[in-house]
PDB file of N, CA and C in Angstrom:
ATOM      1  N   MET A   1      70.339 102.531 151.299  1.00  0.00           N
ATOM      2  CA  MET A   1      70.634 101.228 150.639  1.00  0.00           C
ATOM      3  C   MET A   1      69.810 100.203 151.403  1.00  0.00           C
ATOM      4  N   ASN A   2      69.318  99.382 150.541  1.00  0.00           N
ATOM      5  CA  ASN A   2      68.177  98.229 150.910  1.00  0.00           C
ATOM      6  C   ASN A   2      68.913  97.329 151.716  1.00  0.00           C
ATOM      7  N   LYS A   3      68.139  96.469 152.128  1.00  0.00           N
ATOM      8  CA  LYS A   3      69.034  95.298 153.144  1.00  0.00           C
ATOM      9  C   LYS A   3      69.911  94.321 152.076  1.00  0.00           C
ATOM     10  N   GLN A   4      69.453  94.021 150.880  1.00  0.00           N
ATOM     11  CA  GLN A   4      70.133  93.344 150.181  1.00  0.00           C
ATOM     12  C   GLN A   4      71.947  93.853 149.937  1.00  0.00           C
ATOM     13  N   ASP A   5      71.535  95.273 149.304  1.00  0.00           N
ATOM     14  CA  ASP A   5      72.674  95.996 149.020  1.00  0.00           C
ATOM     15  C   ASP A   5      73.676  96.208 150.359  1.00  0.00           C
ATOM     16  N   THR A   6      73.188  96.382 151.614  1.00  0.00           N
ATOM     17  CA  THR A   6      73.887  96.338 152.852  1.00  0.00           C
ATOM     18  C   THR A   6      74.659  95.124 153.043  1.00  0.00           C
ATOM     19  N   ALA A   7      73.976  93.829 152.706  1.00  0.00           N
ATOM     20  CA  ALA A   7      74.848  92.728 152.951  1.00  0.00           C
ATOM     21  C   ALA A   7      75.544  92.481 151.879  1.00  0.00           C
ATOM     22  N   PHE A   8      75.505  92.950 150.609  1.00  0.00           N
ATOM     23  CA  PHE A   8      76.554  92.646 149.567  1.00  0.00           C
ATOM     24  C   PHE A   8      77.711  93.806 149.912  1.00  0.00           C
ATOM     25  N   TYR A   9      77.533  95.007 150.234  1.00  0.00           N
ATOM     26  CA  TYR A   9      78.653  95.917 150.613  1.00  0.00           C
ATOM     27  C   TYR A   9      79.282  95.422 151.935  1.00  0.00           C
ATOM     28  N   SER A  10      78.626  94.817 152.810  1.00  0.00           N
ATOM     29  CA  SER A  10      79.476  94.423 153.895  1.00  0.00           C
ATOM     30  C   SER A  10      80.336  93.281 153.497  1.00  0.00           C
ATOM     31  N   LEU A  11      79.687  92.111 152.836  1.00  0.00           N
ATOM     32  CA  LEU A  11      80.565  91.079 152.867  1.00  0.00           C
ATOM     33  C   LEU A  11      81.788  91.403 151.506  1.00  0.00           C
ATOM     34  N   LEU A  12      81.444  92.371 150.574  1.00  0.00           N
ATOM     35  CA  LEU A  12      82.564  92.866 149.438  1.00  0.00           C
ATOM     36  C   LEU A  12      83.549  93.822 150.389  1.00  0.00           C
ATOM     37  N   ASN A  13      83.275  94.296 151.393  1.00  0.00           N
ATOM     38  CA  ASN A  13      84.060  95.031 151.943  1.00  0.00           C
ATOM     39  C   ASN A  13      85.110  94.321 152.657  1.00  0.00           C
ATOM     40  N   GLU A  14      84.278  93.159 153.252  1.00  0.00           N
ATOM     41  CA  GLU A  14      85.245  92.255 154.107  1.00  0.00           C
ATOM     42  C   GLU A  14      86.387  91.641 152.882  1.00  0.00           C
ATOM     43  N   ILE A  15      85.729  91.084 151.847  1.00  0.00           N
ATOM     44  CA  ILE A  15      86.629  90.538 150.901  1.00  0.00           C
ATOM     45  C   ILE A  15      87.930  91.507 150.369  1.00  0.00           C
ATOM     46  N   ALA A  16      87.534  92.565 150.399  1.00  0.00           N
ATOM     47  CA  ALA A  16      88.284  93.529 149.765  1.00  0.00           C
ATOM     48  C   ALA A  16      89.440  93.640 150.901  1.00  0.00           C
ATOM     49  N   GLN A  17      89.189  93.594 152.155  1.00  0.00           N
ATOM     50  CA  GLN A  17      90.056  93.756 152.976  1.00  0.00           C
ATOM     51  C   GLN A  17      90.941  92.268 153.442  1.00  0.00           C
ATOM     52  N   GLY A  18      90.678  91.335 152.604  1.00  0.00           N
ATOM     53  CA  GLY A  18      91.459  89.932 152.731  1.00  0.00           C
ATOM     54  C   GLY A  18      90.658  88.598 153.228  1.00  0.00           C
ATOM     55  N   LYS A  19      89.577  88.937 153.418  1.00  0.00           N
ATOM     56  CA  LYS A  19      88.656  87.618 153.935  1.00  0.00           C
ATOM     57  C   LYS A  19      88.462  86.796 152.519  1.00  0.00           C
ATOM     58  N   SER A  20      88.744  85.560 152.747  1.00  0.00           N
ATOM     59  CA  SER A  20      88.778  84.587 151.429  1.00  0.00           C
ATOM     60  C   SER A  20      88.154  83.493 151.661  1.00  0.00           C
ATOM     61  N   GLU A  21      87.537  82.978 153.066  1.00  0.00           N
ATOM     62  CA  GLU A  21      87.110  81.829 153.124  1.00  0.00           C
ATOM     63  C   GLU A  21      85.725  82.214 153.847  1.00  0.00           C
ATOM     64  N   ILE A  22      84.580  81.813 153.261  1.00  0.00           N
ATOM     65  CA  ILE A  22      83.324  82.447 153.766  1.00  0.00           C
ATOM     66  C   ILE A  22      82.850  80.778 154.383  1.00  0.00           C
ATOM     67  N   LYS A  23      82.457  80.982 155.640  1.00  0.00           N
ATOM     68  CA  LYS A  23      81.629  79.746 156.418  1.00  0.00           C
ATOM     69  C   LYS A  23      80.385  80.098 156.871  1.00  0.00           C
ATOM     70  N   ASP A  24      80.228  81.111 157.469  1.00  0.00           N
ATOM     71  CA  ASP A  24      78.847  81.245 158.082  1.00  0.00           C
ATOM     72  C   ASP A  24      77.790  81.063 157.194  1.00  0.00           C
ATOM     73  N   PRO A  25      76.698  80.499 157.672  1.00  0.00           N
ATOM     74  CA  PRO A  25      75.605  80.244 156.522  1.00  0.00           C
ATOM     75  C   PRO A  25      75.121  81.414 155.892  1.00  0.00           C
ATOM     76  N   ALA A  26      74.831  82.507 156.652  1.00  0.00           N
ATOM     77  CA  ALA A  26      74.255  83.552 156.312  1.00  0.00           C
ATOM     78  C   ALA A  26      75.154  84.434 155.253  1.00  0.00           C
ATOM     79  N   GLU A  27      76.519  84.407 155.417  1.00  0.00           N
ATOM     80  CA  GLU A  27      77.371  84.742 154.630  1.00  0.00           C
ATOM     81  C   GLU A  27      77.415  83.955 153.072  1.00  0.00           C
ATOM     82  N   VAL A  28      77.417  82.679 153.367  1.00  0.00           N
ATOM     83  CA  VAL A  28      77.485  81.672 152.341  1.00  0.00           C
ATOM     84  C   VAL A  28      76.368  81.991 151.585  1.00  0.00           C
ATOM     85  N   ASP A  29      75.280  82.389 151.932  1.00  0.00           N
ATOM     86  CA  ASP A  29      73.839  82.875 151.204  1.00  0.00           C
ATOM     87  C   ASP A  29      74.175  84.263 150.170  1.00  0.00           C
ATOM     88  N   THR A  30      74.844  85.100 151.039  1.00  0.00           N
ATOM     89  CA  THR A  30      75.179  86.490 150.614  1.00  0.00           C
ATOM     90  C   THR A  30      76.135  86.282 149.525  1.00  0.00           C
ATOM     91  N   LEU A  31      77.381  85.517 149.706  1.00  0.00           N
ATOM     92  CA  LEU A  31      78.446  85.153 148.749  1.00  0.00           C
ATOM     93  C   LEU A  31      77.902  84.435 147.366  1.00  0.00           C
ATOM     94  N   GLU A  32      77.014  83.621 147.491  1.00  0.00           N
ATOM     95  CA  GLU A  32      76.210  82.758 146.440  1.00  0.00           C
ATOM     96  C   GLU A  32      75.472  83.936 145.891  1.00  0.00           C
ATOM     97  N   ARG A  33      74.813  84.825 146.318  1.00  0.00           N
ATOM     98  CA  ARG A  33      73.985  85.896 145.623  1.00  0.00           C
ATOM     99  C   ARG A  33      75.117  86.831 144.966  1.00  0.00           C
ATOM    100  N   LEU A  34      76.267  86.861 145.498  1.00  0.00           N
ATOM    101  CA  LEU A  34      77.251  87.777 144.730  1.00  0.00           C
ATOM    102  C   LEU A  34      77.849  87.103 143.667  1.00  0.00           C
ATOM    103  N   ILE A  35      77.852  85.954 143.537  1.00  0.00           N
ATOM    104  CA  ILE A  35      78.444  85.053 142.690  1.00  0.00           C
ATOM    105  C   ILE A  35      77.388  85.252 141.566  1.00  0.00           C
ATOM    106  N   SER A  36      75.957  85.046 141.780  1.00  0.00           N
ATOM    107  CA  SER A  36      74.923  84.954 140.535  1.00  0.00           C
ATOM    108  C   SER A  36      74.797  86.459 140.041  1.00  0.00           C
ATOM    109  N   PHE A  37      75.286  87.499 140.745  1.00  0.00           N
ATOM    110  CA  PHE A  37      75.135  88.836 140.188  1.00  0.00           C
ATOM    111  C   PHE A  37      76.488  89.284 139.666  1.00  0.00           C
ATOM    112  N   ASN A  38      77.585  88.371 139.517  1.00  0.00           N
ATOM    113  CA  ASN A  38      78.836  88.353 139.020  1.00  0.00           C
ATOM    114  C   ASN A  38      79.558  89.329 139.585  1.00  0.00           C
ATOM    115  N   TYR A  39      79.623  89.635 140.800  1.00  0.00           N
ATOM    116  CA  TYR A  39      80.284  90.373 141.735  1.00  0.00           C
ATOM    117  C   TYR A  39      81.308  89.932 142.529  1.00  0.00           C
ATOM    118  N   ALA A  40      81.408  88.388 142.830  1.00  0.00           N
ATOM    119  CA  ALA A  40      82.662  87.753 143.162  1.00  0.00           C
ATOM    120  C   ALA A  40      82.325  86.520 142.634  1.00  0.00           C
ATOM    121  N   GLN A  41      83.634  85.812 142.971  1.00  0.00           N
ATOM    122  CA  GLN A  41      84.015  84.379 142.533  1.00  0.00           C
ATOM    123  C   GLN A  41      84.393  83.707 143.762  1.00  0.00           C
ATOM    124  N   ALA A  42      84.324  82.462 143.771  1.00  0.00           N
ATOM    125  CA  ALA A  42      84.672  81.754 144.908  1.00  0.00           C
ATOM    126  C   ALA A  42      84.897  80.100 144.884  1.00  0.00           C
ATOM    127  N   LEU A  43      85.563  79.435 145.443  1.00  0.00           N
ATOM    128  CA  LEU A  43      85.635  77.949 144.976  1.00  0.00           C
ATOM    129  C   LEU A  43      84.739  77.046 146.192  1.00  0.00           C
ATOM    130  N   ALA A  44      83.818  76.583 145.857  1.00  0.00           N
ATOM    131  CA  ALA A  44      82.960  75.668 147.055  1.00  0.00           C
ATOM    132  C   ALA A  44      83.791  74.573 147.332  1.00  0.00           C
ATOM    133  N   ASP A  45      83.750  74.487 148.612  1.00  0.00           N
ATOM    134  CA  ASP A  45      84.515  73.342 149.318  1.00  0.00           C
ATOM    135  C   ASP A  45      83.273  72.252 149.834  1.00  0.00           C
ATOM    136  N   VAL A  46      83.187  71.256 149.271  1.00  0.00           N
ATOM    137  CA  VAL A  46      81.884  70.438 149.805  1.00  0.00           C
ATOM    138  C   VAL A  46      82.237  69.301 150.542  1.00  0.00           C
ATOM    139  N   SER A  47      83.631  69.413 150.932  1.00  0.00           N
ATOM    140  CA  SER A  47      84.145  68.130 151.645  1.00  0.00           C
ATOM    141  C   SER A  47      83.627  68.223 153.336  1.00  0.00           C
ATOM    142  N   HIS A  48      83.311  69.444 153.687  1.00  0.00           N
ATOM    143  CA  HIS A  48      83.011  69.433 154.958  1.00  0.00           C
ATOM    144  C   HIS A  48      81.361  69.447 155.114  1.00  0.00           C
ATOM    145  N   PRO A  49      80.575  68.858 156.094  1.00  0.00           N
ATOM    146  CA  PRO A  49      79.160  68.843 156.410  1.00  0.00           C
ATOM    147  C   PRO A  49      78.431  70.162 155.887  1.00  0.00           C
ATOM    148  N   GLN A  50      79.041  71.206 156.210  1.00  0.00           N
ATOM    149  CA  GLN A  50      78.497  72.465 155.981  1.00  0.00           C
ATOM    150  C   GLN A  50      79.197  73.284 154.674  1.00  0.00           C
ATOM    151  N   LEU A  51      78.378  73.816 153.557  1.00  0.00           N
ATOM    152  CA  LEU A  51      78.940  74.179 152.764  1.00  0.00           C
ATOM    153  C   LEU A  51      80.072  75.454 153.166  1.00  0.00           C
ATOM    154  N   ILE A  52      81.329  75.285 152.455  1.00  0.00           N
ATOM    155  CA  ILE A  52      82.271  76.628 152.657  1.00  0.00           C
ATOM    156  C   ILE A  52      82.671  76.998 151.384  1.00  0.00           C
ATOM    157  N   TYR A  53      82.870  78.255 151.208  1.00  0.00           N
ATOM    158  CA  TYR A  53      83.910  78.604 150.140  1.00  0.00           C
ATOM    159  C   TYR A  53      85.123  79.127 150.483  1.00  0.00           C
ATOM    160  N   SER A  54      86.031  79.209 149.595  1.00  0.00           N
ATOM    161  CA  SER A  54      87.380  79.561 149.861  1.00  0.00           C
ATOM    162  C   SER A  54      87.846  80.367 148.595  1.00  0.00           C
ATOM    163  N   GLY A  55      89.071  81.090 148.741  1.00  0.00           N
ATOM    164  CA  GLY A  55      89.578  82.090 147.485  1.00  0.00           C
ATOM    165  C   GLY A  55      88.482  83.222 147.098  1.00  0.00           C
ATOM    166  N   ALA A  56      87.743  83.512 147.961  1.00  0.00           N
ATOM    167  CA  ALA A  56      86.715  84.308 147.517  1.00  0.00           C
ATOM    168  C   ALA A  56      87.615  85.535 147.180  1.00  0.00           C
ATOM    169  N   GLN A  57      86.933  86.093 145.984  1.00  0.00           N
ATOM    170  CA  GLN A  57      87.626  87.424 145.221  1.00  0.00           C
ATOM    171  C   GLN A  57      86.416  88.315 144.650  1.00  0.00           C
ATOM    172  N   MET A  58      86.553  89.648 144.497  1.00  0.00           N
ATOM    173  CA  MET A  58      85.609  90.408 143.831  1.00  0.00           C
ATOM    174  C   MET A  58      86.163  90.544 142.340  1.00  0.00           C
ATOM    175  N   THR A  59      85.248  90.307 141.533  1.00  0.00           N
ATOM    176  CA  THR A  59      85.063  90.821 140.403  1.00  0.00           C
ATOM    177  C   THR A  59      85.283  92.286 139.842  1.00  0.00           C
ATOM    178  N   PRO A  60      85.417  92.649 138.849  1.00  0.00           N
ATOM    179  CA  PRO A  60      85.417  94.285 138.365  1.00  0.00           C
ATOM    180  C   PRO A  60      83.979  94.689 138.906  1.00  0.00           C
ATOM    181  N   MET A  61      83.191  93.550 138.454  1.00  0.00           N
ATOM    182  CA  MET A  61      81.779  94.357 138.786  1.00  0.00           C
ATOM    183  C   MET A  61      81.615  94.561 140.346  1.00  0.00           C
ATOM    184  N   GLY A  62      82.084  93.557 141.071  1.00  0.00           N
ATOM    185  CA  GLY A  62      81.754  93.778 142.304  1.00  0.00           C
ATOM    186  C   GLY A  62      82.735  94.915 142.993  1.00  0.00           C
ATOM    187  N   ARG A  63      83.944  95.342 142.253  1.00  0.00           N
ATOM    188  CA  ARG A  63      84.665  96.384 142.632  1.00  0.00           C
ATOM    189  C   ARG A  63      84.091  97.656 142.704  1.00  0.00           C
ATOM    190  N   ALA A  64      83.525  97.437 141.121  1.00  0.00           N
ATOM    191  CA  ALA A  64      82.441  98.831 141.045  1.00  0.00           C
ATOM    192  C   ALA A  64      81.153  99.108 141.922  1.00  0.00           C
ATOM    193  N   PHE A  65      80.843  98.116 142.211  1.00  0.00           N
ATOM    194  CA  PHE A  65      79.318  98.214 143.032  1.00  0.00           C
ATOM    195  C   PHE A  65      79.954  98.825 144.568  1.00  0.00           C
ATOM    196  N   LEU A  66      81.073  98.094 144.983  1.00  0.00           N
ATOM    197  CA  LEU A  66      81.892  98.550 146.383  1.00  0.00           C
ATOM    198  C   LEU A  66      81.876 100.021 146.349  1.00  0.00           C
ATOM    199  N   ALA A  67      82.464 100.521 144.932  1.00  0.00           N
ATOM    200  CA  ALA A  67      83.131 101.678 144.988  1.00  0.00           C
ATOM    201  C   ALA A  67      81.893 102.748 144.800  1.00  0.00           C
ATOM    202  N   GLU A  68      80.653 102.360 144.180  1.00  0.00           N
ATOM    203  CA  GLU A  68      79.510 102.975 144.063  1.00  0.00           C
ATOM    204  C   GLU A  68      78.925 103.547 145.383  1.00  0.00           C
ATOM    205  N   CYS A  69      79.123 102.177 146.244  1.00  0.00           N
ATOM    206  CA  CYS A  69      78.481 102.130 147.975  1.00  0.00           C
ATOM    207  C   CYS A  69      79.199 103.371 148.591  1.00  0.00           C
ATOM    208  N   LYS A  70      80.642 103.180 148.267  1.00  0.00           N
ATOM    209  CA  LYS A  70      81.215 103.927 149.270  1.00  0.00           C
ATOM    210  C   LYS A  70      80.968 105.491 148.745  1.00  0.00           C
ATOM    211  N   ALA A  71      80.944 105.876 147.272  1.00  0.00           N
ATOM    212  CA  ALA A  71      80.704 107.048 146.867  1.00  0.00           C
ATOM    213  C   ALA A  71      79.215 107.433 147.258  1.00  0.00           C
ATOM    214  N   ALA A  72      78.217 106.687 147.560  1.00  0.00           N
ATOM    215  CA  ALA A  72      76.908 107.073 147.811  1.00  0.00           C
ATOM    216  C   ALA A  72      77.126 107.820 149.614  1.00  0.00           C
ATOM    217  N   GLU A  73      77.940 106.877 150.184  1.00  0.00           N
ATOM    218  CA  GLU A  73      78.106 107.117 151.744  1.00  0.00           C
ATOM    219  C   GLU A  73      78.903 108.638 152.005  1.00  0.00           C
ATOM    220  N   HIS A  74      79.901 108.890 150.858  1.00  0.00           N
ATOM    221  CA  HIS A  74      80.375 110.075 151.114  1.00  0.00           C
ATOM    222  C   HIS A  74      80.459 110.809 149.948  1.00  0.00           C
ATOM    223  N   PRO A  75      79.010 111.592 149.530  1.00  0.00           N
ATOM    224  CA  PRO A  75      79.099 112.214 148.476  1.00  0.00           C
ATOM    225  C   PRO A  75      80.110 113.456 148.181  1.00  0.00           C
ATOM    226  N   VAL A  76      80.320 113.840 147.422  1.00  0.00           N
ATOM    227  CA  VAL A  76      81.466 114.902 147.051  1.00  0.00           C
ATOM    228  C   VAL A  76      80.527 116.252 146.711  1.00  0.00           C
ATOM    229  N   ARG A  77      80.714 117.279 147.695  1.00  0.00           N
ATOM    230  CA  ARG A  77      80.130 118.309 147.749  1.00  0.00           C
ATOM    231  C   ARG A  77      80.672 119.466 146.896  1.00  0.00           C
TER     232      ARG A  77
END
C-alpha cells in the first residue's frame, strides 16, 4: 500500500469504529482528500480557529475501498 492509501485506510478504519469528529490537522487533510475521492462525507465546522469536521461517515465507495484493503491484508488461500 502506498503512503496515501495507508493514510486513507487508517482514517476510514477509525471512522468505521465510530470516530466522527476530525480535529488533527493531518487527519483533516486526509479527510478532505477522502471527501474529494467520494470515500467519506462530513460537515465542516468553521466556528473554531482551526478547521474541524464532525459527523464523518464513509460513503459506499469508502466502504468498498476499506474492504479491498482488508482483503489485500488477508488474502484467501
